[in-house]
Amino acid sequence: MSKICQVTGKKVVVGNNVSHSKRRTKRRFYPNLFKKKFYLPEEDRWISLTVSAAGIRTINKKGLTNALKEAKEKGFVTNI
């Protein structure tokens, strides 16, 4: 499964490891992702999302339906 948050769209970014001698080698920075179930009371069902820690905070702040609506508009969520 791809390492992309379904609420915020955070994904893997590429950077450098920098040693003491300043030699640079490529590395990847991964988002802090969780597979989490949320309850949708409007549809009376549970949905499973891959969300980052920031995505969980967004859902807590805005509510699940508003967060999903914004994610669908931005194209992060397709099959819910």
PDB file of N, CA and C in Angstrom:
ATOM      1  N   MET A   1       0.841  -1.178   0.000  1.00  0.00           N
ATOM      2  CA  MET A   1       0.000   0.000   0.000  1.00  0.00           C
ATOM      3  C   MET A   1       0.884   1.238   0.000  1.00  0.00           C
ATOM      4  N   SER A   2       0.437   2.274  -0.700  1.00  0.00           N
ATOM      5  CA  SER A   2       1.245   3.475  -0.802  1.00  0.00           C
ATOM      6  C   SER A   2       1.252   4.235   0.520  1.00  0.00           C
ATOM      7  N   LYS A   3       2.339   4.930   0.772  1.00  0.00           N
ATOM      8  CA  LYS A   3       2.492   5.671   2.017  1.00  0.00           C
ATOM      9  C   LYS A   3       1.998   7.100   1.821  1.00  0.00           C
ATOM     10  N   ILE A   4       0.661   7.239   1.671  1.00  0.00           N
ATOM     11  CA  ILE A   4       0.046   8.553   1.478  1.00  0.00           C
ATOM     12  C   ILE A   4      -1.122   8.682   2.440  1.00  0.00           C
ATOM     13  N   CYS A   5      -1.192   9.814   3.140  1.00  0.00           N
ATOM     14  CA  CYS A   5      -2.309  10.081   4.040  1.00  0.00           C
ATOM     15  C   CYS A   5      -3.548  10.396   3.206  1.00  0.00           C
ATOM     16  N   GLN A   6      -4.685   9.779   3.550  1.00  0.00           N
ATOM     17  CA  GLN A   6      -5.904   9.981   2.779  1.00  0.00           C
ATOM     18  C   GLN A   6      -6.647  11.251   3.177  1.00  0.00           C
ATOM     19  N   VAL A   7      -6.208  11.936   4.222  1.00  0.00           N
ATOM     20  CA  VAL A   7      -6.866  13.176   4.640  1.00  0.00           C
ATOM     21  C   VAL A   7      -6.036  14.394   4.240  1.00  0.00           C
ATOM     22  N   THR A   8      -4.742  14.373   4.523  1.00  0.00           N
ATOM     23  CA  THR A   8      -3.899  15.538   4.259  1.00  0.00           C
ATOM     24  C   THR A   8      -3.083  15.423   2.982  1.00  0.00           C
ATOM     25  N   GLY A   9      -2.897  14.212   2.458  1.00  0.00           N
ATOM     26  CA  GLY A   9      -2.100  14.023   1.249  1.00  0.00           C
ATOM     27  C   GLY A   9      -0.612  13.970   1.498  1.00  0.00           C
ATOM     28  N   LYS A  10      -0.202  13.892   2.760  1.00  0.00           N
ATOM     29  CA  LYS A  10       1.228  13.798   3.054  1.00  0.00           C
ATOM     30  C   LYS A  10       1.783  12.505   2.484  1.00  0.00           C
ATOM     31  N   LYS A  11       2.987  12.572   1.912  1.00  0.00           N
ATOM     32  CA  LYS A  11       3.604  11.387   1.344  1.00  0.00           C
ATOM     33  C   LYS A  11       5.111  11.424   1.553  1.00  0.00           C
ATOM     34  N   VAL A  12       5.791  10.414   1.047  1.00  0.00           N
ATOM     35  CA  VAL A  12       7.233  10.288   1.225  1.00  0.00           C
ATOM     36  C   VAL A  12       7.935  11.430   0.500  1.00  0.00           C
ATOM     37  N   VAL A  13       8.920  12.037   1.167  1.00  0.00           N
ATOM     38  CA  VAL A  13       9.763  13.045   0.533  1.00  0.00           C
ATOM     39  C   VAL A  13      11.206  12.560   0.580  1.00  0.00           C
ATOM     40  N   VAL A  14      12.021  13.058  -0.342  1.00  0.00           N
ATOM     41  CA  VAL A  14      13.394  12.600  -0.487  1.00  0.00           C
ATOM     42  C   VAL A  14      14.332  13.684   0.011  1.00  0.00           C
ATOM     43  N   GLY A  15      15.366  13.252   0.739  1.00  0.00           N
ATOM     44  CA  GLY A  15      16.367  14.181   1.239  1.00  0.00           C
ATOM     45  C   GLY A  15      17.721  13.510   1.269  1.00  0.00           C
ATOM     46  N   ASN A  16      18.602  14.038   2.082  1.00  0.00           N
ATOM     47  CA  ASN A  16      19.964  13.518   2.172  1.00  0.00           C
ATOM     48  C   ASN A  16      20.316  13.136   3.592  1.00  0.00           C
ATOM     49  N   ASN A  17      21.040  12.011   3.742  1.00  0.00           N
ATOM     50  CA  ASN A  17      21.783  11.754   4.968  1.00  0.00           C
ATOM     51  C   ASN A  17      23.068  12.556   4.850  1.00  0.00           C
ATOM     52  N   VAL A  18      23.456  13.250   5.894  1.00  0.00           N
ATOM     53  CA  VAL A  18      24.691  14.024   5.863  1.00  0.00           C
ATOM     54  C   VAL A  18      25.588  13.519   6.969  1.00  0.00           C
ATOM     55  N   SER A  19      26.721  12.958   6.569  1.00  0.00           N
ATOM     56  CA  SER A  19      27.653  12.414   7.549  1.00  0.00           C
ATOM     57  C   SER A  19      28.505  13.525   8.152  1.00  0.00           C
ATOM     58  N   HIS A  20      29.345  13.144   9.090  1.00  0.00           N
ATOM     59  CA  HIS A  20      30.228  14.109   9.737  1.00  0.00           C
ATOM     60  C   HIS A  20      31.166  14.763   8.724  1.00  0.00           C
ATOM     61  N   SER A  21      31.548  14.005   7.691  1.00  0.00           N
ATOM     62  CA  SER A  21      32.429  14.556   6.653  1.00  0.00           C
ATOM     63  C   SER A  21      31.645  15.288   5.562  1.00  0.00           C
ATOM     64  N   LYS A  22      30.357  15.501   5.794  1.00  0.00           N
ATOM     65  CA  LYS A  22      29.453  16.206   4.886  1.00  0.00           C
ATOM     66  C   LYS A  22      29.161  15.428   3.591  1.00  0.00           C
ATOM     67  N   ARG A  23      29.453  14.134   3.572  1.00  0.00           N
ATOM     68  CA  ARG A  23      29.112  13.305   2.413  1.00  0.00           C
ATOM     69  C   ARG A  23      27.602  13.087   2.407  1.00  0.00           C
ATOM     70  N   ARG A  24      26.969  13.307   1.263  1.00  0.00           N
ATOM     71  CA  ARG A  24      25.511  13.213   1.173  1.00  0.00           C
ATOM     72  C   ARG A  24      25.087  11.964   0.413  1.00  0.00           C
ATOM     73  N   THR A  25      24.190  11.199   1.040  1.00  0.00           N
ATOM     74  CA  THR A  25      23.588  10.045   0.391  1.00  0.00           C
ATOM     75  C   THR A  25      22.077  10.197   0.490  1.00  0.00           C
ATOM     76  N   LYS A  26      21.387   9.711  -0.508  1.00  0.00           N
ATOM     77  CA  LYS A  26      19.930   9.869  -0.568  1.00  0.00           C
ATOM     78  C   LYS A  26      19.233   9.048   0.514  1.00  0.00           C
ATOM     79  N   ARG A  27      18.155   9.587   1.030  1.00  0.00           N
ATOM     80  CA  ARG A  27      17.304   8.882   1.981  1.00  0.00           C
ATOM     81  C   ARG A  27      15.876   9.343   1.787  1.00  0.00           C
ATOM     82  N   ARG A  28      14.946   8.640   2.458  1.00  0.00           N
ATOM     83  CA  ARG A  28      13.542   9.014   2.356  1.00  0.00           C
ATOM     84  C   ARG A  28      12.994   9.338   3.741  1.00  0.00           C
ATOM     85  N   PHE A  29      12.143  10.355   3.788  1.00  0.00           N
ATOM     86  CA  PHE A  29      11.442  10.723   5.007  1.00  0.00           C
ATOM     87  C   PHE A  29      10.002  10.241   4.865  1.00  0.00           C
ATOM     88  N   TYR A  30       9.581   9.353   5.777  1.00  0.00           N
ATOM     89  CA  TYR A  30       8.249   8.768   5.701  1.00  0.00           C
ATOM     90  C   TYR A  30       7.268   9.531   6.586  1.00  0.00           C
ATOM     91  N   PRO A  31       6.011   9.659   6.149  1.00  0.00           N
ATOM     92  CA  PRO A  31       4.991  10.280   7.010  1.00  0.00           C
ATOM     93  C   PRO A  31       4.619   9.335   8.142  1.00  0.00           C
ATOM     94  N   ASN A  32       4.105   9.898   9.213  1.00  0.00           N
ATOM     95  CA  ASN A  32       3.720   9.128  10.401  1.00  0.00           C
ATOM     96  C   ASN A  32       2.303   8.595  10.191  1.00  0.00           C
ATOM     97  N   LEU A  33       2.186   7.430   9.521  1.00  0.00           N
ATOM     98  CA  LEU A  33       0.884   6.919   9.093  1.00  0.00           C
ATOM     99  C   LEU A  33       0.336   5.849  10.033  1.00  0.00           C
ATOM    100  N   PHE A  34      -0.996   5.817  10.126  1.00  0.00           N
ATOM    101  CA  PHE A  34      -1.720   4.827  10.910  1.00  0.00           C
ATOM    102  C   PHE A  34      -2.884   4.304  10.087  1.00  0.00           C
ATOM    103  N   LYS A  35      -3.207   3.027  10.254  1.00  0.00           N
ATOM    104  CA  LYS A  35      -4.440   2.485   9.687  1.00  0.00           C
ATOM    105  C   LYS A  35      -5.473   2.550  10.795  1.00  0.00           C
ATOM    106  N   LYS A  36      -6.515   3.346  10.596  1.00  0.00           N
ATOM    107  CA  LYS A  36      -7.467   3.621  11.670  1.00  0.00           C
ATOM    108  C   LYS A  36      -8.886   3.532  11.143  1.00  0.00           C
ATOM    109  N   LYS A  37      -9.789   3.023  11.986  1.00  0.00           N
ATOM    110  CA  LYS A  37     -11.201   2.948  11.641  1.00  0.00           C
ATOM    111  C   LYS A  37     -11.942   4.122  12.258  1.00  0.00           C
ATOM    112  N   PHE A  38     -12.843   4.711  11.470  1.00  0.00           N
ATOM    113  CA  PHE A  38     -13.679   5.816  11.934  1.00  0.00           C
ATOM    114  C   PHE A  38     -15.133   5.454  11.690  1.00  0.00           C
ATOM    115  N   TYR A  39     -16.000   5.933  12.564  1.00  0.00           N
ATOM    116  CA  TYR A  39     -17.428   5.662  12.435  1.00  0.00           C
ATOM    117  C   TYR A  39     -18.112   6.834  11.746  1.00  0.00           C
ATOM    118  N   LEU A  40     -18.860   6.535  10.684  1.00  0.00           N
ATOM    119  CA  LEU A  40     -19.653   7.538   9.977  1.00  0.00           C
ATOM    120  C   LEU A  40     -21.103   7.413  10.432  1.00  0.00           C
ATOM    121  N   PRO A  41     -21.581   8.289  11.325  1.00  0.00           N
ATOM    122  CA  PRO A  41     -22.956   8.148  11.816  1.00  0.00           C
ATOM    123  C   PRO A  41     -24.014   8.431  10.751  1.00  0.00           C
ATOM    124  N   GLU A  42     -23.702   9.259   9.744  1.00  0.00           N
ATOM    125  CA  GLU A  42     -24.672   9.556   8.689  1.00  0.00           C
ATOM    126  C   GLU A  42     -25.022   8.303   7.884  1.00  0.00           C
ATOM    127  N   GLU A  43     -24.011   7.454   7.644  1.00  0.00           N
ATOM    128  CA  GLU A  43     -24.222   6.238   6.864  1.00  0.00           C
ATOM    129  C   GLU A  43     -24.306   4.996   7.749  1.00  0.00           C
ATOM    130  N   ASP A  44     -24.143   5.165   9.056  1.00  0.00           N
ATOM    131  CA  ASP A  44     -24.196   4.079  10.037  1.00  0.00           C
ATOM    132  C   ASP A  44     -23.246   2.945   9.662  1.00  0.00           C
ATOM    133  N   ARG A  45     -21.974   3.301   9.407  1.00  0.00           N
ATOM    134  CA  ARG A  45     -20.970   2.287   9.079  1.00  0.00           C
ATOM    135  C   ARG A  45     -19.589   2.767   9.490  1.00  0.00           C
ATOM    136  N   TRP A  46     -18.670   1.822   9.555  1.00  0.00           N
ATOM    137  CA  TRP A  46     -17.277   2.102   9.865  1.00  0.00           C
ATOM    138  C   TRP A  46     -16.493   2.183   8.567  1.00  0.00           C
ATOM    139  N   ILE A  47     -15.542   3.121   8.492  1.00  0.00           N
ATOM    140  CA  ILE A  47     -14.646   3.192   7.345  1.00  0.00           C
ATOM    141  C   ILE A  47     -13.218   3.089   7.849  1.00  0.00           C
ATOM    142  N   SER A  48     -12.356   2.526   7.027  1.00  0.00           N
ATOM    143  CA  SER A  48     -10.955   2.346   7.369  1.00  0.00           C
ATOM    144  C   SER A  48     -10.132   3.308   6.525  1.00  0.00           C
ATOM    145  N   LEU A  49      -9.318   4.127   7.184  1.00  0.00           N
ATOM    146  CA  LEU A  49      -8.498   5.116   6.492  1.00  0.00           C
ATOM    147  C   LEU A  49      -7.039   4.949   6.875  1.00  0.00           C
ATOM    148  N   THR A  50      -6.146   5.305   5.961  1.00  0.00           N
ATOM    149  CA  THR A  50      -4.729   5.436   6.269  1.00  0.00           C
ATOM    150  C   THR A  50      -4.476   6.923   6.471  1.00  0.00           C
ATOM    151  N   VAL A  51      -4.259   7.316   7.723  1.00  0.00           N
ATOM    152  CA  VAL A  51      -4.129   8.731   8.047  1.00  0.00           C
ATOM    153  C   VAL A  51      -2.833   8.995   8.795  1.00  0.00           C
ATOM    154  N   SER A  52      -2.309  10.192   8.618  1.00  0.00           N
ATOM    155  CA  SER A  52      -1.142  10.626   9.372  1.00  0.00           C
ATOM    156  C   SER A  52      -1.597  11.177  10.721  1.00  0.00           C
ATOM    157  N   ALA A  53      -0.643  11.433  11.585  1.00  0.00           N
ATOM    158  CA  ALA A  53      -0.965  12.020  12.882  1.00  0.00           C
ATOM    159  C   ALA A  53      -1.633  13.380  12.690  1.00  0.00           C
ATOM    160  N   ALA A  54      -1.163  14.144  11.715  1.00  0.00           N
ATOM    161  CA  ALA A  54      -1.785  15.440  11.419  1.00  0.00           C
ATOM    162  C   ALA A  54      -3.188  15.252  10.870  1.00  0.00           C
ATOM    163  N   GLY A  55      -3.416  14.170  10.132  1.00  0.00           N
ATOM    164  CA  GLY A  55      -4.748  13.876   9.614  1.00  0.00           C
ATOM    165  C   GLY A  55      -5.731  13.545  10.721  1.00  0.00           C
ATOM    166  N   ILE A  56      -5.273  12.828  11.744  1.00  0.00           N
ATOM    167  CA  ILE A  56      -6.125  12.518  12.894  1.00  0.00           C
ATOM    168  C   ILE A  56      -6.500  13.795  13.628  1.00  0.00           C
ATOM    169  N   ARG A  57      -5.548  14.699  13.773  1.00  0.00           N
ATOM    170  CA  ARG A  57      -5.830  15.975  14.425  1.00  0.00           C
ATOM    171  C   ARG A  57      -6.808  16.812  13.589  1.00  0.00           C
ATOM    172  N   THR A  58      -6.684  16.747  12.274  1.00  0.00           N
ATOM    173  CA  THR A  58      -7.615  17.451  11.397  1.00  0.00           C
ATOM    174  C   THR A  58      -9.022  16.909  11.558  1.00  0.00           C
ATOM    175  N   ILE A  59      -9.154  15.577  11.626  1.00  0.00           N
ATOM    176  CA  ILE A  59     -10.468  14.958  11.809  1.00  0.00           C
ATOM    177  C   ILE A  59     -11.048  15.349  13.166  1.00  0.00           C
ATOM    178  N   ASN A  60     -10.219  15.373  14.199  1.00  0.00           N
ATOM    179  CA  ASN A  60     -10.696  15.778  15.521  1.00  0.00           C
ATOM    180  C   ASN A  60     -11.162  17.225  15.529  1.00  0.00           C
ATOM    181  N   LYS A  61     -10.502  18.079  14.753  1.00  0.00           N
ATOM    182  CA  LYS A  61     -10.833  19.500  14.750  1.00  0.00           C
ATOM    183  C   LYS A  61     -12.070  19.804  13.902  1.00  0.00           C
ATOM    184  N   LYS A  62     -12.111  19.276  12.673  1.00  0.00           N
ATOM    185  CA  LYS A  62     -13.165  19.635  11.729  1.00  0.00           C
ATOM    186  C   LYS A  62     -14.329  18.664  11.725  1.00  0.00           C
ATOM    187  N   GLY A  63     -14.115  17.457  12.221  1.00  0.00           N
ATOM    188  CA  GLY A  63     -15.132  16.416  12.117  1.00  0.00           C
ATOM    189  C   GLY A  63     -14.848  15.539  10.909  1.00  0.00           C
ATOM    190  N   LEU A  64     -15.308  14.304  10.985  1.00  0.00           N
ATOM    191  CA  LEU A  64     -14.991  13.328   9.942  1.00  0.00           C
ATOM    192  C   LEU A  64     -15.608  13.698   8.599  1.00  0.00           C
ATOM    193  N   THR A  65     -16.860  14.103   8.591  1.00  0.00           N
ATOM    194  CA  THR A  65     -17.528  14.376   7.307  1.00  0.00           C
ATOM    195  C   THR A  65     -16.915  15.576   6.598  1.00  0.00           C
ATOM    196  N   ASN A  66     -16.601  16.636   7.338  1.00  0.00           N
ATOM    197  CA  ASN A  66     -15.982  17.809   6.717  1.00  0.00           C
ATOM    198  C   ASN A  66     -14.575  17.500   6.218  1.00  0.00           C
ATOM    199  N   ALA A  67     -13.805  16.738   7.001  1.00  0.00           N
ATOM    200  CA  ALA A  67     -12.448  16.386   6.595  1.00  0.00           C
ATOM    201  C   ALA A  67     -12.475  15.513   5.342  1.00  0.00           C
ATOM    202  N   LEU A  68     -13.409  14.561   5.277  1.00  0.00           N
ATOM    203  CA  LEU A  68     -13.521  13.706   4.093  1.00  0.00           C
ATOM    204  C   LEU A  68     -13.981  14.493   2.870  1.00  0.00           C
ATOM    205  N   LYS A  69     -14.883  15.447   3.090  1.00  0.00           N
ATOM    206  CA  LYS A  69     -15.367  16.267   1.971  1.00  0.00           C
ATOM    207  C   LYS A  69     -14.221  17.082   1.371  1.00  0.00           C
ATOM    208  N   GLU A  70     -13.388  17.684   2.226  1.00  0.00           N
ATOM    209  CA  GLU A  70     -12.248  18.456   1.732  1.00  0.00           C
ATOM    210  C   GLU A  70     -11.219  17.560   1.063  1.00  0.00           C
ATOM    211  N   ALA A  71     -11.017  16.349   1.603  1.00  0.00           N
ATOM    212  CA  ALA A  71     -10.056  15.425   1.008  1.00  0.00           C
ATOM    213  C   ALA A  71     -10.531  14.955  -0.365  1.00  0.00           C
ATOM    214  N   LYS A  72     -11.845  14.755  -0.527  1.00  0.00           N
ATOM    215  CA  LYS A  72     -12.376  14.368  -1.841  1.00  0.00           C
ATOM    216  C   LYS A  72     -12.207  15.492  -2.853  1.00  0.00           C
ATOM    217  N   GLU A  73     -12.418  16.745  -2.419  1.00  0.00           N
ATOM    218  CA  GLU A  73     -12.242  17.878  -3.324  1.00  0.00           C
ATOM    219  C   GLU A  73     -10.793  18.002  -3.798  1.00  0.00           C
ATOM    220  N   LYS A  74      -9.858  17.714  -2.892  1.00  0.00           N
ATOM    221  CA  LYS A  74      -8.438  17.804  -3.243  1.00  0.00           C
ATOM    222  C   LYS A  74      -7.925  16.557  -3.953  1.00  0.00           C
ATOM    223  N   GLY A  75      -8.723  15.485  -3.971  1.00  0.00           N
ATOM    224  CA  GLY A  75      -8.345  14.272  -4.685  1.00  0.00           C
ATOM    225  C   GLY A  75      -7.555  13.264  -3.872  1.00  0.00           C
ATOM    226  N   PHE A  76      -7.508  13.411  -2.555  1.00  0.00           N
ATOM    227  CA  PHE A  76      -6.762  12.470  -1.721  1.00  0.00           C
ATOM    228  C   PHE A  76      -7.545  11.195  -1.463  1.00  0.00           C
ATOM    229  N   VAL A  77      -8.877  11.292  -1.379  1.00  0.00           N
ATOM    230  CA  VAL A  77      -9.746  10.146  -1.115  1.00  0.00           C
ATOM    231  C   VAL A  77     -10.598   9.919  -2.352  1.00  0.00           C
ATOM    232  N   THR A  78     -10.662   8.662  -2.800  1.00  0.00           N
ATOM    233  CA  THR A  78     -11.456   8.390  -3.989  1.00  0.00           C
ATOM    234  C   THR A  78     -12.559   7.384  -3.735  1.00  0.00           C
ATOM    235  N   ASN A  79     -12.315   6.355  -2.938  1.00  0.00           N
ATOM    236  CA  ASN A  79     -13.244   5.229  -2.878  1.00  0.00           C
ATOM    237  C   ASN A  79     -13.996   5.137  -1.557  1.00  0.00           C
ATOM    238  N   ILE A  80     -14.556   6.254  -1.075  1.00  0.00           N
ATOM    239  CA  ILE A  80     -15.338   6.189   0.168  1.00  0.00           C
ATOM    240  C   ILE A  80     -16.728   6.741  -0.088  1.00  0.00           C
TER     241      ILE A  80
END
